[in-house]
Protein backbone atom coordinates (compact mmCIF):
# COMPACT_ATOMS: atom_id res chain seq x y z
CA UNK A 1 -28.18 -11.69 -4.20
CA UNK A 2 -26.71 -9.41 -1.96
CA UNK A 3 -22.33 -9.98 -1.37
CA UNK A 4 -20.10 -9.15 1.68
CA UNK A 5 -16.47 -8.19 0.10
CA UNK A 6 -14.43 -8.40 3.34
CA UNK A 7 -10.60 -6.96 1.30
CA UNK A 8 -7.42 -7.81 3.74
CA UNK A 9 -3.95 -6.07 3.52
CA UNK A 10 -2.37 -3.84 1.04
CA UNK A 11 -3.24 -1.04 -0.97
CA UNK A 12 -2.41 -3.77 -3.77
CA UNK A 13 -4.72 -5.82 -2.74
CA UNK A 14 -7.18 -3.08 -2.64
CA UNK A 15 -7.25 -2.44 -5.81
CA UNK A 16 -7.49 -6.22 -6.73
CA UNK A 17 -10.48 -6.19 -4.50
CA UNK A 18 -12.35 -3.35 -6.58
CA UNK A 19 -11.36 -4.99 -9.94
CA UNK A 20 -13.90 -8.17 -8.89
CA UNK A 21 -16.34 -5.87 -7.23
CA UNK A 22 -16.11 -4.40 -10.40
CA UNK A 23 -16.31 -7.11 -12.00
CA UNK A 24 -19.35 -8.35 -9.46
CA UNK A 25 -21.28 -5.09 -10.18
CA UNK A 26 -21.44 -5.41 -14.01
CA UNK A 27 -23.09 -9.25 -13.86
CA UNK A 28 -25.16 -7.21 -11.63
CA UNK A 29 -24.59 -8.66 -8.05
CA UNK A 30 -25.50 -6.26 -5.36
CA UNK A 31 -23.19 -5.64 -2.05
CA UNK A 32 -23.61 -5.07 1.64
CA UNK A 33 -21.21 -4.51 4.29
CA UNK A 34 -23.77 -6.44 6.82
CA UNK A 35 -23.12 -9.96 7.20
CA UNK A 36 -26.88 -10.42 8.54
CA UNK A 37 -28.42 -9.09 4.97
CA UNK A 38 -25.28 -10.97 2.37
CA UNK A 39 -25.76 -14.44 0.71
CA UNK A 40 -22.35 -14.65 0.08
CA UNK A 41 -19.13 -13.71 0.99
CA UNK A 42 -15.70 -12.59 -0.79
CA UNK A 43 -12.69 -12.56 1.29
CA UNK A 44 -9.56 -11.29 0.04
CA UNK A 45 -6.32 -12.21 2.40
CA UNK A 46 -2.45 -11.61 3.25
CA UNK A 47 -0.16 -13.35 4.43
CA UNK A 48 2.76 -11.21 4.30
CA UNK A 49 3.84 -11.31 7.46
CA UNK A 50 2.25 -13.64 10.36
CA UNK A 51 0.10 -11.22 12.16
CA UNK A 52 -1.77 -10.19 8.55
CA UNK A 53 -1.64 -14.07 8.13
CA UNK A 54 -3.57 -14.63 11.53
CA UNK A 55 -6.19 -11.84 10.35
CA UNK A 56 -6.84 -13.81 7.34
CA UNK A 57 -7.46 -17.11 8.68
CA UNK A 58 -9.42 -15.60 11.65
CA UNK A 59 -11.81 -13.71 9.21
CA UNK A 60 -12.51 -17.17 7.30
CA UNK A 61 -13.17 -19.10 10.01
CA UNK A 62 -15.88 -16.39 11.05
CA UNK A 63 -16.64 -16.58 7.83
CA UNK A 64 -17.32 -20.50 7.76
CA UNK A 65 -19.22 -20.05 11.23
CA UNK A 66 -21.96 -18.34 9.07
CA UNK A 67 -21.92 -20.68 6.39
CA UNK A 68 -22.68 -23.43 9.05
CA UNK A 69 -25.14 -21.82 10.07
CA UNK A 70 -26.23 -21.49 7.19
CA UNK A 71 -27.09 -17.57 7.15
CA UNK A 72 -25.16 -17.20 3.82
CA UNK A 73 -24.83 -19.30 1.29
CA UNK A 74 -21.03 -19.09 -0.62
CA UNK A 75 -17.79 -18.93 0.81
CA UNK A 76 -15.13 -17.64 -1.41
CA UNK A 77 -11.30 -17.03 -0.74
CA UNK A 78 -9.43 -15.41 -2.92
CA UNK A 79 -5.79 -13.70 -2.34
CA UNK A 80 -1.81 -14.33 -1.39
CA UNK A 81 -3.09 -16.55 1.42
CA UNK A 82 -5.59 -18.58 -0.75
CA UNK A 83 -2.40 -18.82 -3.36
CA UNK A 84 -0.10 -19.97 -0.28
CA UNK A 85 -1.97 -22.45 1.66
CA UNK A 86 -5.21 -23.80 -0.74
CA UNK A 87 -4.76 -27.07 -0.08
CA UNK A 88 -4.38 -26.34 3.86
CA UNK A 89 -7.70 -24.15 3.51
CA UNK A 90 -9.75 -26.53 1.87
CA UNK A 91 -8.51 -29.47 4.24
CA UNK A 92 -9.22 -27.55 7.40
CA UNK A 93 -12.23 -25.48 6.41
CA UNK A 94 -14.27 -27.29 3.76
CA UNK A 95 -17.53 -24.44 3.59
CA UNK A 96 -14.78 -22.78 1.64
CA UNK A 97 -16.87 -23.22 -1.69
CA UNK A 98 -13.97 -22.07 -3.76
CA UNK A 99 -10.52 -20.51 -4.13
CA UNK A 100 -9.00 -17.82 -5.94
CA UNK A 101 -5.40 -17.59 -6.64
CA UNK A 102 -3.46 -14.24 -7.31
CA UNK A 103 -3.81 -14.32 -10.73
CA UNK A 104 -7.45 -15.63 -10.85
CA UNK A 105 -9.17 -12.91 -9.96
CA UNK A 106 -11.53 -12.12 -13.27
CA UNK A 107 -12.80 -15.47 -12.68
CA UNK A 108 -15.16 -14.13 -9.55
CA UNK A 109 -18.27 -14.26 -11.24
CA UNK A 110 -17.69 -18.08 -13.02
CA UNK A 111 -16.59 -19.10 -9.43
CA UNK A 112 -20.11 -17.62 -7.79
CA UNK A 113 -22.27 -19.34 -11.13
CA UNK A 114 -20.83 -22.01 -10.39
CA UNK A 115 -20.70 -22.74 -7.22
CA UNK A 116 -25.08 -22.07 -7.48
CA UNK A 117 -24.68 -24.51 -9.93
CA UNK A 118 -23.58 -26.97 -7.61
CA UNK A 119 -20.39 -26.88 -8.89
CA UNK A 120 -17.61 -25.58 -6.91
CA UNK A 121 -14.20 -25.03 -8.31
CA UNK A 122 -10.69 -23.72 -7.48
CA UNK A 123 -9.29 -21.10 -9.46
CA UNK A 124 -5.69 -20.89 -9.81
CA UNK A 125 -4.15 -19.87 -12.79
CA UNK A 126 0.07 -19.57 -13.47
CA UNK A 127 1.58 -16.99 -11.27
CA UNK A 128 3.11 -15.46 -14.58
CA UNK A 129 0.01 -14.56 -16.49
CA UNK A 130 -0.82 -11.48 -17.82
CA UNK A 131 -1.58 -8.58 -14.68
CA UNK A 132 -5.10 -6.92 -15.33
CA UNK A 133 -5.31 -3.97 -15.83
CA UNK A 134 -7.42 -0.77 -17.36
CA UNK A 135 -10.55 -2.20 -16.78
CA UNK A 136 -13.96 -1.19 -14.50
CA UNK A 137 -13.07 -0.58 -10.78
CA UNK A 138 -15.60 0.07 -7.49
CA UNK A 139 -13.68 2.46 -5.87
CA UNK A 140 -13.76 1.60 -2.16
CA UNK A 141 -11.49 4.58 -1.00
CA UNK A 142 -14.02 7.45 -1.09
CA UNK A 143 -14.05 8.68 -3.91
CA UNK A 144 -12.01 11.56 -3.94
CA UNK A 145 -8.43 9.41 -4.39
CA UNK A 146 -7.59 5.78 -5.69
CA UNK A 147 -4.81 3.60 -5.65
CA UNK A 148 -3.51 3.41 -9.26
CA UNK A 149 -1.09 -0.81 -9.64
CA UNK A 150 0.97 -0.28 -12.37
CA UNK A 151 2.63 -3.66 -12.15
CA UNK A 152 2.47 -7.23 -10.46
CA UNK A 153 4.70 -9.56 -8.45
CA UNK A 154 8.31 -8.87 -7.68
CA UNK A 155 12.39 -9.86 -9.20
CA UNK A 156 14.20 -8.93 -6.19
CA UNK A 157 13.63 -12.12 -3.97
CA UNK A 158 14.81 -10.80 -0.82
CA UNK A 159 15.49 -13.23 1.88
CA UNK A 160 12.59 -12.29 4.19
CA UNK A 161 10.08 -11.84 1.70
CA UNK A 162 7.16 -14.49 0.37
CA UNK A 163 6.09 -12.21 -2.23
CA UNK A 164 7.70 -13.69 -5.62
CA UNK A 165 6.42 -17.07 -4.74
CA UNK A 166 2.52 -16.41 -3.87
CA UNK A 167 2.37 -12.91 -6.95
CA UNK A 168 5.44 -14.36 -9.25
CA UNK A 169 7.85 -12.44 -11.02
CA UNK A 170 7.70 -8.68 -11.53
CA UNK A 171 5.14 -7.91 -14.81
CA UNK A 172 4.19 -4.73 -15.84
CA UNK A 173 0.62 -3.32 -16.98
CA UNK A 174 0.64 -2.05 -20.38
CA UNK A 175 1.06 1.78 -20.47
CA UNK A 176 -2.19 2.13 -21.96
CA UNK A 177 -4.31 0.21 -20.01
CA UNK A 178 -2.98 2.48 -17.16
CA UNK A 179 -3.91 5.64 -18.69
CA UNK A 180 -7.73 4.15 -19.34
CA UNK A 181 -8.41 3.23 -16.11
CA UNK A 182 -6.52 6.32 -14.53
CA UNK A 183 -8.78 8.39 -16.88
CA UNK A 184 -11.75 6.53 -15.75
CA UNK A 185 -11.28 6.92 -12.09
CA UNK A 186 -10.52 10.76 -12.83
CA UNK A 187 -13.81 11.04 -14.36
CA UNK A 188 -15.73 9.55 -11.49
CA UNK A 189 -14.20 11.99 -9.44
CA UNK A 190 -10.78 11.26 -8.26
CA UNK A 191 -8.18 14.15 -7.42
CA UNK A 192 -5.38 11.78 -5.98
CA UNK A 193 -4.10 8.83 -8.10
CA UNK A 194 -1.73 7.05 -6.43
CA UNK A 195 0.88 4.31 -8.18
CA UNK A 196 1.61 1.28 -6.01
CA UNK A 197 3.26 -1.95 -7.08
CA UNK A 198 5.53 -4.22 -5.14
CA UNK A 199 8.50 -2.13 -7.16
CA UNK A 200 7.38 1.21 -8.83
CA UNK A 201 10.66 2.06 -9.71
CA UNK A 202 10.83 -0.60 -11.86
CA UNK A 203 8.03 -0.24 -13.81
CA UNK A 204 8.07 -0.66 -17.78
CA UNK A 205 11.54 -2.23 -17.69
CA UNK A 206 10.23 -6.03 -18.61
CA UNK A 207 7.62 -4.64 -21.63
CA UNK A 208 10.07 -1.51 -23.31
CA UNK A 209 13.37 -2.73 -22.43
CA UNK A 210 14.07 0.02 -19.91
CA UNK A 211 12.62 1.89 -16.92
CA UNK A 212 8.57 3.67 -17.95
CA UNK A 213 8.16 5.04 -14.95
CA UNK A 214 9.36 8.67 -15.84
CA UNK A 215 6.36 8.33 -19.32
CA UNK A 216 4.27 7.18 -17.71
CA UNK A 217 4.52 10.04 -14.66
CA UNK A 218 3.90 12.43 -17.37
CA UNK A 219 0.74 11.06 -19.58
CA UNK A 220 -0.77 10.62 -16.37
CA UNK A 221 -0.17 14.55 -15.50
CA UNK A 222 -1.75 15.24 -18.47
CA UNK A 223 -5.15 13.69 -17.23
CA UNK A 224 -7.92 16.52 -16.55
CA UNK A 225 -9.00 15.87 -12.97
CA UNK A 226 -6.59 14.84 -11.29
CA UNK A 227 -4.47 17.25 -9.24
CA UNK A 228 -1.65 14.79 -6.90
CA UNK A 229 -0.08 12.09 -8.23
CA UNK A 230 1.91 10.04 -5.27
CA UNK A 231 4.71 7.25 -5.83
CA UNK A 232 4.68 4.63 -3.60
CA UNK A 233 6.87 1.59 -2.85
CA UNK A 234 10.68 2.96 -5.15
CA UNK A 235 13.66 1.25 -4.48
CA UNK A 236 16.63 3.32 -3.87
CA UNK A 237 18.70 1.21 -6.52
CA UNK A 238 16.35 1.94 -9.58
CA UNK A 239 15.71 5.53 -8.93
CA UNK A 240 17.55 7.40 -11.81
CA UNK A 241 17.72 11.07 -12.86
CA UNK A 242 15.11 11.25 -15.06
CA UNK A 243 13.06 10.14 -12.76
CA UNK A 244 13.92 12.63 -10.08
CA UNK A 245 13.54 15.38 -13.04
CA UNK A 246 9.57 14.17 -13.62
CA UNK A 247 8.76 14.66 -10.10
CA UNK A 248 10.54 17.94 -9.70
CA UNK A 249 9.34 19.07 -13.30
CA UNK A 250 5.48 18.49 -13.25
CA UNK A 251 3.34 20.04 -10.97
CA UNK A 252 0.79 17.31 -10.31
CA UNK A 253 3.67 15.43 -8.62
CA UNK A 254 3.80 15.20 -5.01
CA UNK A 255 7.18 16.15 -4.03
CA UNK A 256 6.81 12.89 -1.77
CA UNK A 257 8.77 9.37 -1.99
CA UNK A 258 8.09 6.36 -0.48
CA UNK A 259 12.23 4.71 0.04
CA UNK A 260 11.72 0.47 1.78
CA UNK A 261 15.34 0.68 2.54
CA UNK A 262 14.54 -1.79 5.82
CA UNK A 263 17.71 -1.11 7.66
CA UNK A 264 21.05 0.84 7.94
CA UNK A 265 23.36 -1.81 8.34
CA UNK A 266 25.00 -2.66 5.85
CA UNK A 267 26.04 -6.57 7.04
CA UNK A 268 21.76 -6.79 7.55
CA UNK A 269 20.84 -5.46 4.19
CA UNK A 270 23.48 -8.30 2.82
CA UNK A 271 21.69 -11.03 4.69
CA UNK A 272 18.25 -9.18 3.37
CA UNK A 273 19.28 -9.77 -0.14
CA UNK A 274 19.15 -6.04 -0.72
CA UNK A 275 20.88 -4.43 -3.55
CA UNK A 276 22.07 -1.38 -1.86
CA UNK A 277 24.30 -0.51 1.00
CA UNK A 278 23.86 2.23 3.82
CA UNK A 279 26.06 4.31 1.47
CA UNK A 280 24.13 4.41 -1.61
CA UNK A 281 21.36 5.16 -0.14
CA UNK A 282 22.99 7.60 1.94
CA UNK A 283 23.39 9.12 -1.98
CA UNK A 284 20.37 8.98 -3.02
CA UNK A 285 18.43 10.39 -0.61
CA UNK A 286 21.42 13.54 -1.02
CA UNK A 287 20.90 13.19 -4.27
CA UNK A 288 16.64 13.72 -3.50
CA UNK A 289 16.86 16.61 -1.13
CA UNK A 290 19.23 18.66 -3.13
CA UNK A 291 17.22 18.37 -6.43
CA UNK A 292 14.17 18.62 -4.86
CA UNK A 293 14.40 20.42 -1.73
CA UNK A 294 10.84 20.05 -0.03
CA UNK A 295 10.87 16.60 -0.81
CA UNK A 296 9.03 14.20 2.04
CA UNK A 297 10.82 10.84 2.07
CA UNK A 298 9.17 8.17 4.05
CA UNK A 299 10.45 4.48 4.79
CA UNK A 300 9.89 1.09 6.23
CA UNK A 301 12.79 -0.95 8.89
CA UNK A 302 12.74 -4.15 10.09
CA UNK A 303 14.06 -4.84 13.67
CA UNK A 304 15.08 -7.76 14.85
CA UNK A 305 16.19 -9.40 11.36
CA UNK A 306 17.89 -12.75 12.15
CA UNK A 307 21.92 -12.42 13.01
CA UNK A 308 21.33 -8.74 14.50
CA UNK A 309 23.67 -7.41 16.92
CA UNK A 310 23.03 -4.85 19.14
CA UNK A 311 26.25 -2.89 16.94
CA UNK A 312 24.07 -3.83 13.86
CA UNK A 313 20.86 -2.44 15.11
CA UNK A 314 23.09 0.35 16.58
CA UNK A 315 24.26 1.48 13.12
CA UNK A 316 20.27 1.27 11.59
CA UNK A 317 20.35 3.90 14.83
CA UNK A 318 22.57 6.20 13.73
CA UNK A 319 21.56 6.24 10.24
CA UNK A 320 17.73 6.87 11.17
CA UNK A 321 19.74 10.11 13.04
CA UNK A 322 22.10 11.10 10.09
CA UNK A 323 19.01 11.24 7.62
CA UNK A 324 16.15 12.28 9.48
CA UNK A 325 13.33 10.49 7.64
CA UNK A 326 10.14 12.66 7.15
CA UNK A 327 8.10 9.61 7.79
CA UNK A 328 9.21 5.97 9.18
CA UNK A 329 7.65 2.77 9.82
CA UNK A 330 9.24 -0.04 11.71
CA UNK A 331 7.84 -4.02 11.59
CA UNK A 332 9.39 -6.75 13.75
CA UNK A 333 11.32 -9.66 11.71
CA UNK A 334 8.30 -11.99 11.12
CA UNK A 335 9.79 -15.25 9.95
CA UNK A 336 7.48 -16.48 7.01
CA UNK A 337 7.78 -20.50 5.71
CA UNK A 338 9.80 -20.81 2.52
CA UNK A 339 11.97 -18.08 2.77
CA UNK A 340 15.55 -18.67 3.16
CA UNK A 341 15.81 -15.89 6.48
CA UNK A 342 13.36 -18.31 8.06
CA UNK A 343 16.27 -21.12 7.75
CA UNK A 344 18.67 -18.62 8.87
CA UNK A 345 20.66 -19.27 12.99
CA UNK A 346 20.35 -16.69 15.69
CA UNK A 347 17.15 -16.39 14.87
CA UNK A 348 16.40 -13.32 17.60
CA UNK A 349 13.32 -13.28 20.25
CA UNK A 350 10.31 -11.33 20.07
CA UNK A 351 11.02 -9.45 22.85
CA UNK A 352 14.23 -8.31 21.71
CA UNK A 353 12.70 -7.28 18.18
CA UNK A 354 9.86 -5.25 19.84
CA UNK A 355 12.56 -4.12 22.07
CA UNK A 356 14.61 -2.53 18.82
CA UNK A 357 11.26 -1.26 17.40
CA UNK A 358 10.52 0.56 20.10
CA UNK A 359 13.66 2.41 20.54
CA UNK A 360 13.50 3.01 16.64
CA UNK A 361 10.17 4.91 16.65
CA UNK A 362 11.08 6.50 19.58
CA UNK A 363 13.78 8.42 17.70
CA UNK A 364 12.09 8.41 14.81
CA UNK A 365 9.17 10.06 17.13
CA UNK A 366 11.61 12.97 18.35
CA UNK A 367 12.74 13.58 14.65
CA UNK A 368 9.16 13.81 13.48
CA UNK A 369 7.60 15.59 16.72
CA UNK A 370 10.39 18.43 15.95
CA UNK A 371 9.70 18.51 12.14
CA UNK A 372 5.82 18.79 12.87
CA UNK A 373 6.58 21.73 15.05
CA UNK A 374 8.69 23.67 12.48
CA UNK A 375 6.05 23.21 10.19
CA UNK A 376 3.60 26.39 12.02
CA UNK A 377 3.72 29.91 10.40
CA UNK A 378 4.11 27.79 6.60
CA UNK A 379 1.64 27.65 4.33
CA UNK A 380 0.35 24.61 2.48
CA UNK A 381 -2.28 23.24 0.32
CA UNK A 382 -3.77 20.56 1.73
CA UNK A 383 -6.80 17.57 0.94
CA UNK A 384 -10.39 17.73 3.20
CA UNK A 385 -10.55 14.48 4.02
CA UNK A 386 -13.58 14.96 6.28
CA UNK A 387 -14.98 16.68 8.59
CA UNK A 388 -14.93 16.16 12.81
CA UNK A 389 -17.74 14.93 14.28
CA UNK A 390 -19.98 17.66 16.13
CA UNK A 391 -17.24 20.24 15.84
CA UNK A 392 -16.37 22.99 13.37
CA UNK A 393 -13.09 21.26 12.24
CA UNK A 394 -12.16 19.23 9.61
CA UNK A 395 -9.31 16.33 8.67
CA UNK A 396 -7.09 17.00 5.73
CA UNK A 397 -4.00 15.42 4.17
CA UNK A 398 -1.19 17.44 2.84
CA UNK A 399 1.37 16.29 0.06
CA UNK A 400 4.05 15.05 2.96
CA UNK A 401 0.62 12.53 3.94
CA UNK A 402 -0.11 8.83 2.35
CA UNK A 403 -3.41 8.06 3.13
CA UNK A 404 -3.86 5.35 5.91
CA UNK A 405 0.15 5.60 7.04
CA UNK A 406 0.84 8.93 7.50
CA UNK A 407 -0.27 11.99 10.17
CA UNK A 408 -2.91 14.46 9.19
CA UNK A 409 -4.09 17.77 9.32
CA UNK A 410 -6.86 19.45 11.58
CA UNK A 411 -8.40 22.26 10.48
CA UNK A 412 -11.12 24.82 12.55
CA UNK A 413 -12.94 26.68 10.55
CA UNK A 414 -16.82 27.58 10.30
CA UNK A 415 -16.82 27.20 6.67
CA UNK A 416 -17.93 24.40 4.15
CA UNK A 417 -16.05 22.20 2.43
CA UNK A 418 -16.25 18.62 0.47
CA UNK A 419 -14.15 15.70 1.28
CA UNK A 420 -11.61 15.83 -1.75
CA UNK A 421 -11.63 20.04 -1.82
CA UNK A 422 -8.39 21.33 -1.68
CA UNK A 423 -7.48 24.33 0.82
CA UNK A 424 -4.76 27.03 1.50
CA UNK A 425 -3.85 26.69 5.60
CA UNK A 426 -1.30 28.10 7.38
CA UNK A 427 -0.11 25.77 10.25
CA UNK A 428 -0.30 27.04 13.85
CA UNK A 429 0.83 24.05 15.82
CA UNK A 430 1.42 20.16 16.19
CA UNK A 431 -0.16 17.82 18.01
CA UNK A 432 2.28 15.07 18.12
CA UNK A 433 2.94 13.18 14.33
CA UNK A 434 -0.27 15.65 13.27
CA UNK A 435 -0.76 19.33 12.44
CA UNK A 436 -3.33 22.12 13.59
CA UNK A 437 -4.29 25.14 10.92
CA UNK A 438 -6.14 27.61 9.83
CA UNK A 439 -8.00 28.13 6.21
CA UNK A 440 -5.51 31.11 4.58
CA UNK A 441 -7.65 34.16 3.40
CA UNK A 442 -6.90 33.20 -0.51
CA UNK A 443 -8.16 29.88 -0.15
CA UNK A 444 -10.84 29.32 -2.46
């Protein structure tokens, strides 16, 4: 039986997809990326913002048409949209055979078997169920980098966010399971391990009574084969001196932190239910840059939050200008039902949200382009991503670039490299967000 597996949404969702693929592979299922060959389709959905929700719904509808025509026999829907809208999906799209909630991913093989026996049912388990860790995975990222999800859910309850209602409260995965999983990934050839969760910095608080991310990082650094360890989704208020020092001390840990701050206006941050103000964020960033001078800081912002005035938007603009973030992404505010922010007065028009997003990105573009130009002449270590088609050139990433969200380094050379190889590169110039470079003489 051949399965077409479609994974939508974030990297945390991707880990769930890889766990499900691993469970299916162990049962002897085969996979295809051609819908014409598929006997069954599994869609792992997202519903974090409206665009993601629409993509998930449209994908389900598209696959439902294949089910109607008899081209596929089984259609399963998993993930956040499935957890949140299970009744609506089954009512409006009866072609869906089974729905798996966010904590029921390991029931994927049972669900398929029950459908084949003519006994389809849904699998929706308690949101406080212990998260899945240490399981065999089918890595879908190319094999040389992989994500390690270290916790599930979130306790923050920001006013705009639906995650606690579809993923539950914060639950750390036991360290021994994570180390086993990371070791298995390294044995498969993974060289860059990217730690993800709704919030990585709170890791271990629920299991061990204290934040244990520094200890986890120390243990991960001992795994042979891993060369880079990257940390995403760090909340500013949870960053400790111990975490800063382990990043500074351990050579394998990339000097890179993703710090989603969402706004630079204290009034907006308060309405968002965030735990920090602009002054506290500034202090954290200044400390990081003081202790780790070459650290790359990435952040995300929400433009057009309910009630955001022009003055508050300008406060965020000024904060971005002052902080000069290395990497920055901006989302327009998306009103999600069942969240406090969706019920707030003074919802802004889409045109205003988009205008403010564009203004923030134009400002960041100036900052990022100048920073890229200033890299000229510097030597950096980079990981090869792949070859540029029909050219003597390769695409690579530096420690400053997380896959899929940051820029690239383009290297012109007639030497032969494989994806995942590390090379020393001299930066020769920049093109917007991306860098250009040449292989350094001392590179292996």
